[in-house]
Amino acid sequence: MSDPSQPDPAAPANEAQPDSATHPPGRVLGIGGVFLRADKGPALQSWYADNLAVPIGPHGFAQLPWLDPDSHEHHSTTWSTFARDSDYFDADQQVMINYVVDDLDAVLARLASQGSKTDTAKGVESYDYGRFAWCWDAEGNKIELWEPNRAWIDKARAEGGW
């Protein structure tokens, strides 16, 4: 049996990633956030800062920069801890990933067409900085989907943020 954490030896080496011109809308562009449950959030944040040099800011989270390989736009991934009893993601889930998507409606339509479970109780939530929805993967892990608001990002960048 193969180890899923190891690369597939039959896969082509250095396979090119599809670009936005040839890939249909509704795809993941990057990781918007990594959220960890913690019994002692500040202590866990300190461990990551001390041992992995994660740059934890004064509000208890880190913004980790990355570059979109297609558009060459700069983005960031939020790394944060959540209290053990937080209801932001499922109680039996230790980690939740936020994926940045290019078209949330297209992603949700694909999920529906595939019969995938989405959080219909929450629906789509809209904020100045973007739209969010949630779904569960094939193994029951809750995932957050985020389509950033382009105007908000452009303004934040112009003001020296994000």
C-alpha atoms as a PDB file:
ATOM      1  CA  MET A   1       0.000   0.000   0.000  1.00  0.00           C
ATOM      2  CA  SER A   2       1.380   3.423  -0.915  1.00  0.00           C
ATOM      3  CA  ASP A   3       1.993   6.163   1.621  1.00  0.00           C
ATOM      4  CA  PRO A   4      -0.330   9.115   0.788  1.00  0.00           C
ATOM      5  CA  SER A   5       2.117  11.543   2.398  1.00  0.00           C
ATOM      6  CA  GLN A   6       4.769  10.630  -0.191  1.00  0.00           C
ATOM      7  CA  PRO A   7       4.847  11.825  -3.810  1.00  0.00           C
ATOM      8  CA  ASP A   8       3.371   9.483  -6.397  1.00  0.00           C
ATOM      9  CA  PRO A   9       6.362   8.017  -8.266  1.00  0.00           C
ATOM     10  CA  ALA A  10       4.177   7.619 -11.384  1.00  0.00           C
ATOM     11  CA  ALA A  11       3.261  11.311 -11.430  1.00  0.00           C
ATOM     12  CA  PRO A  12       5.133  13.494 -13.922  1.00  0.00           C
ATOM     13  CA  ALA A  13       7.939  15.500 -12.344  1.00  0.00           C
ATOM     14  CA  ASN A  14       7.597  19.286 -12.296  1.00  0.00           C
ATOM     15  CA  GLU A  15       4.069  19.155 -13.687  1.00  0.00           C
ATOM     16  CA  ALA A  16       2.954  22.652 -14.649  1.00  0.00           C
ATOM     17  CA  GLN A  17       0.064  24.122 -12.699  1.00  0.00           C
ATOM     18  CA  PRO A  18      -2.959  25.316 -14.682  1.00  0.00           C
ATOM     19  CA  ASP A  19      -3.154  29.078 -15.079  1.00  0.00           C
ATOM     20  CA  SER A  20      -6.275  31.182 -14.694  1.00  0.00           C
ATOM     21  CA  ALA A  21      -6.645  31.597 -18.467  1.00  0.00           C
ATOM     22  CA  THR A  22      -7.063  27.846 -19.034  1.00  0.00           C
ATOM     23  CA  HIS A  23      -8.680  26.762 -15.778  1.00  0.00           C
ATOM     24  CA  PRO A  24     -12.412  27.272 -15.194  1.00  0.00           C
ATOM     25  CA  PRO A  25     -13.497  29.618 -12.387  1.00  0.00           C
ATOM     26  CA  GLY A  26     -14.027  28.181  -8.953  1.00  0.00           C
ATOM     27  CA  ARG A  27     -10.586  27.062  -7.940  1.00  0.00           C
ATOM     28  CA  VAL A  28      -8.369  27.363  -4.907  1.00  0.00           C
ATOM     29  CA  LEU A  29      -5.712  30.059  -5.276  1.00  0.00           C
ATOM     30  CA  GLY A  30      -3.948  29.509  -1.963  1.00  0.00           C
ATOM     31  CA  ILE A  31      -4.285  29.036   1.764  1.00  0.00           C
ATOM     32  CA  GLY A  32      -6.050  31.958   3.443  1.00  0.00           C
ATOM     33  CA  GLY A  33      -5.818  30.630   6.966  1.00  0.00           C
ATOM     34  CA  VAL A  34      -4.722  27.835   9.263  1.00  0.00           C
ATOM     35  CA  PHE A  35      -6.686  27.686  12.509  1.00  0.00           C
ATOM     36  CA  LEU A  36      -5.692  25.481  15.452  1.00  0.00           C
ATOM     37  CA  ARG A  37      -7.684  24.635  18.573  1.00  0.00           C
ATOM     38  CA  ALA A  38      -5.713  25.251  21.738  1.00  0.00           C
ATOM     39  CA  ASP A  39      -6.238  24.724  25.449  1.00  0.00           C
ATOM     40  CA  LYS A  40      -3.701  27.476  26.120  1.00  0.00           C
ATOM     41  CA  GLY A  41      -3.659  29.720  23.047  1.00  0.00           C
ATOM     42  CA  PRO A  42      -0.912  32.137  24.157  1.00  0.00           C
ATOM     43  CA  ALA A  43       1.354  29.254  25.198  1.00  0.00           C
ATOM     44  CA  LEU A  44       0.845  27.497  21.866  1.00  0.00           C
ATOM     45  CA  GLN A  45       1.476  30.750  20.007  1.00  0.00           C
ATOM     46  CA  SER A  46       4.714  31.154  21.967  1.00  0.00           C
ATOM     47  CA  TRP A  47       5.762  27.601  21.112  1.00  0.00           C
ATOM     48  CA  TYR A  48       5.303  28.304  17.391  1.00  0.00           C
ATOM     49  CA  ALA A  49       7.110  31.643  17.697  1.00  0.00           C
ATOM     50  CA  ASP A  50      10.010  30.192  19.708  1.00  0.00           C
ATOM     51  CA  ASN A  51      10.437  26.908  17.853  1.00  0.00           C
ATOM     52  CA  LEU A  52       9.390  27.685  14.278  1.00  0.00           C
ATOM     53  CA  ALA A  53       9.853  31.471  14.257  1.00  0.00           C
ATOM     54  CA  VAL A  54       6.205  32.035  13.291  1.00  0.00           C
ATOM     55  CA  PRO A  55       5.869  35.838  13.512  1.00  0.00           C
ATOM     56  CA  ILE A  56       2.989  36.093  15.991  1.00  0.00           C
ATOM     57  CA  GLY A  57       1.696  39.666  16.084  1.00  0.00           C
ATOM     58  CA  PRO A  58       0.357  41.596  19.066  1.00  0.00           C
ATOM     59  CA  HIS A  59      -3.174  40.302  18.474  1.00  0.00           C
ATOM     60  CA  GLY A  60      -2.159  36.632  18.688  1.00  0.00           C
ATOM     61  CA  PHE A  61      -2.027  35.671  15.026  1.00  0.00           C
ATOM     62  CA  ALA A  62       0.488  35.691  12.202  1.00  0.00           C
ATOM     63  CA  GLN A  63       0.214  36.926   8.615  1.00  0.00           C
ATOM     64  CA  LEU A  64       2.421  34.756   6.396  1.00  0.00           C
ATOM     65  CA  PRO A  65       3.024  36.234   2.911  1.00  0.00           C
ATOM     66  CA  TRP A  66       2.781  34.305  -0.348  1.00  0.00           C
ATOM     67  CA  LEU A  67       2.772  35.060  -4.069  1.00  0.00           C
ATOM     68  CA  ASP A  68       0.063  33.872  -6.485  1.00  0.00           C
ATOM     69  CA  PRO A  69       2.033  32.048  -9.220  1.00  0.00           C
ATOM     70  CA  ASP A  70      -0.479  33.019 -11.941  1.00  0.00           C
ATOM     71  CA  SER A  71      -1.220  36.662 -11.200  1.00  0.00           C
ATOM     72  CA  HIS A  72       1.983  37.390  -9.263  1.00  0.00           C
ATOM     73  CA  GLU A  73      -0.151  39.172  -6.659  1.00  0.00           C
ATOM     74  CA  HIS A  74       0.981  39.195  -3.059  1.00  0.00           C
ATOM     75  CA  HIS A  75      -1.336  37.601  -0.486  1.00  0.00           C
ATOM     76  CA  SER A  76      -1.036  36.353   3.060  1.00  0.00           C
ATOM     77  CA  THR A  77      -2.127  33.363   5.090  1.00  0.00           C
ATOM     78  CA  THR A  78      -3.496  33.984   8.575  1.00  0.00           C
ATOM     79  CA  TRP A  79      -2.233  31.577  11.227  1.00  0.00           C
ATOM     80  CA  SER A  80      -4.226  31.647  14.450  1.00  0.00           C
ATOM     81  CA  THR A  81      -5.271  29.687  17.499  1.00  0.00           C
ATOM     82  CA  PHE A  82      -8.868  29.295  18.660  1.00  0.00           C
ATOM     83  CA  ALA A  83     -10.082  28.417  22.129  1.00  0.00           C
ATOM     84  CA  ARG A  84     -10.826  24.730  22.639  1.00  0.00           C
ATOM     85  CA  ASP A  85     -14.531  25.518  23.128  1.00  0.00           C
ATOM     86  CA  SER A  86     -14.844  27.811  20.079  1.00  0.00           C
ATOM     87  CA  ASP A  87     -17.806  27.024  17.852  1.00  0.00           C
ATOM     88  CA  TYR A  88     -16.133  28.552  14.791  1.00  0.00           C
ATOM     89  CA  PHE A  89     -15.422  25.055  13.500  1.00  0.00           C
ATOM     90  CA  ASP A  90     -16.549  21.554  14.466  1.00  0.00           C
ATOM     91  CA  ALA A  91     -15.806  20.604  18.082  1.00  0.00           C
ATOM     92  CA  ASP A  92     -14.160  17.305  17.104  1.00  0.00           C
ATOM     93  CA  GLN A  93     -11.850  19.007  14.625  1.00  0.00           C
ATOM     94  CA  GLN A  94      -8.407  20.176  15.770  1.00  0.00           C
ATOM     95  CA  VAL A  95      -7.531  22.211  12.662  1.00  0.00           C
ATOM     96  CA  MET A  96      -9.500  24.115  10.028  1.00  0.00           C
ATOM     97  CA  ILE A  97      -8.033  25.365   6.758  1.00  0.00           C
ATOM     98  CA  ASN A  98      -9.308  28.470   4.956  1.00  0.00           C
ATOM     99  CA  TYR A  99      -8.873  28.274   1.195  1.00  0.00           C
ATOM    100  CA  VAL A 100      -8.748  31.433  -0.950  1.00  0.00           C
ATOM    101  CA  VAL A 101     -10.942  30.867  -4.009  1.00  0.00           C
ATOM    102  CA  ASP A 102     -11.336  32.906  -7.180  1.00  0.00           C
ATOM    103  CA  ASP A 103     -15.113  32.469  -7.515  1.00  0.00           C
ATOM    104  CA  LEU A 104     -17.075  31.344  -4.448  1.00  0.00           C
ATOM    105  CA  ASP A 105     -20.340  30.898  -6.365  1.00  0.00           C
ATOM    106  CA  ALA A 106     -18.651  28.581  -8.878  1.00  0.00           C
ATOM    107  CA  VAL A 107     -17.104  26.526  -6.056  1.00  0.00           C
ATOM    108  CA  LEU A 108     -20.459  26.233  -4.271  1.00  0.00           C
ATOM    109  CA  ALA A 109     -22.199  25.234  -7.519  1.00  0.00           C
ATOM    110  CA  ARG A 110     -19.592  22.506  -8.113  1.00  0.00           C
ATOM    111  CA  LEU A 111     -19.940  21.254  -4.534  1.00  0.00           C
ATOM    112  CA  ALA A 112     -23.743  21.099  -4.931  1.00  0.00           C
ATOM    113  CA  SER A 113     -23.472  19.282  -8.285  1.00  0.00           C
ATOM    114  CA  GLN A 114     -21.184  16.706  -6.658  1.00  0.00           C
ATOM    115  CA  GLY A 115     -23.518  16.233  -3.676  1.00  0.00           C
ATOM    116  CA  SER A 116     -20.945  17.590  -1.219  1.00  0.00           C
ATOM    117  CA  LYS A 117     -22.136  18.860   2.151  1.00  0.00           C
ATOM    118  CA  THR A 118     -22.100  22.628   2.639  1.00  0.00           C
ATOM    119  CA  ASP A 119     -23.058  24.668   5.696  1.00  0.00           C
ATOM    120  CA  THR A 120     -26.528  25.717   4.578  1.00  0.00           C
ATOM    121  CA  ALA A 121     -27.364  26.993   8.076  1.00  0.00           C
ATOM    122  CA  LYS A 122     -24.635  29.639   7.818  1.00  0.00           C
ATOM    123  CA  GLY A 123     -24.959  30.132   4.078  1.00  0.00           C
ATOM    124  CA  VAL A 124     -22.646  32.706   2.519  1.00  0.00           C
ATOM    125  CA  GLU A 125     -21.418  35.462   4.821  1.00  0.00           C
ATOM    126  CA  SER A 126     -20.274  38.782   3.353  1.00  0.00           C
ATOM    127  CA  TYR A 127     -17.912  41.305   4.912  1.00  0.00           C
ATOM    128  CA  ASP A 128     -15.937  44.289   3.638  1.00  0.00           C
ATOM    129  CA  TYR A 129     -12.948  42.009   3.009  1.00  0.00           C
ATOM    130  CA  GLY A 130     -14.795  39.213   1.190  1.00  0.00           C
ATOM    131  CA  ARG A 131     -17.330  36.427   1.126  1.00  0.00           C
ATOM    132  CA  PHE A 132     -17.149  33.177   3.091  1.00  0.00           C
ATOM    133  CA  ALA A 133     -18.820  29.773   2.979  1.00  0.00           C
ATOM    134  CA  TRP A 134     -18.100  26.426   4.601  1.00  0.00           C
ATOM    135  CA  CYS A 135     -18.186  22.826   3.467  1.00  0.00           C
ATOM    136  CA  TRP A 136     -16.950  19.432   4.581  1.00  0.00           C
ATOM    137  CA  ASP A 137     -14.487  17.300   2.651  1.00  0.00           C
ATOM    138  CA  ALA A 138     -14.931  13.593   1.927  1.00  0.00           C
ATOM    139  CA  GLU A 139     -13.585  12.667   5.387  1.00  0.00           C
ATOM    140  CA  GLY A 140     -15.748  15.124   7.328  1.00  0.00           C
ATOM    141  CA  ASN A 141     -13.235  17.942   7.842  1.00  0.00           C
ATOM    142  CA  LYS A 142     -14.898  21.351   7.864  1.00  0.00           C
ATOM    143  CA  ILE A 143     -13.275  23.764   5.393  1.00  0.00           C
ATOM    144  CA  GLU A 144     -13.661  27.517   5.112  1.00  0.00           C
ATOM    145  CA  LEU A 145     -13.807  29.064   1.635  1.00  0.00           C
ATOM    146  CA  TRP A 146     -12.974  32.752   1.147  1.00  0.00           C
ATOM    147  CA  GLU A 147     -13.390  34.885  -1.952  1.00  0.00           C
ATOM    148  CA  PRO A 148     -11.561  38.126  -1.112  1.00  0.00           C
ATOM    149  CA  ASN A 149     -13.135  41.459  -2.033  1.00  0.00           C
ATOM    150  CA  ARG A 150     -10.742  42.824  -4.664  1.00  0.00           C
ATOM    151  CA  ALA A 151     -11.521  46.506  -3.880  1.00  0.00           C
ATOM    152  CA  TRP A 152     -10.875  45.981  -0.160  1.00  0.00           C
ATOM    153  CA  ILE A 153      -7.565  44.208  -0.837  1.00  0.00           C
ATOM    154  CA  ASP A 154      -6.422  46.912  -3.255  1.00  0.00           C
ATOM    155  CA  LYS A 155      -7.265  49.620  -0.688  1.00  0.00           C
ATOM    156  CA  ALA A 156      -5.513  47.741   2.127  1.00  0.00           C
ATOM    157  CA  ARG A 157      -2.407  47.295  -0.027  1.00  0.00           C
ATOM    158  CA  ALA A 158      -2.413  50.996  -0.963  1.00  0.00           C
ATOM    159  CA  GLU A 159      -2.501  51.860   2.742  1.00  0.00           C
ATOM    160  CA  GLY A 160       0.433  49.553   3.488  1.00  0.00           C
ATOM    161  CA  GLY A 161      -1.519  46.572   4.833  1.00  0.00           C
ATOM    162  CA  TRP A 162      -2.243  43.065   3.666  1.00  0.00           C
END
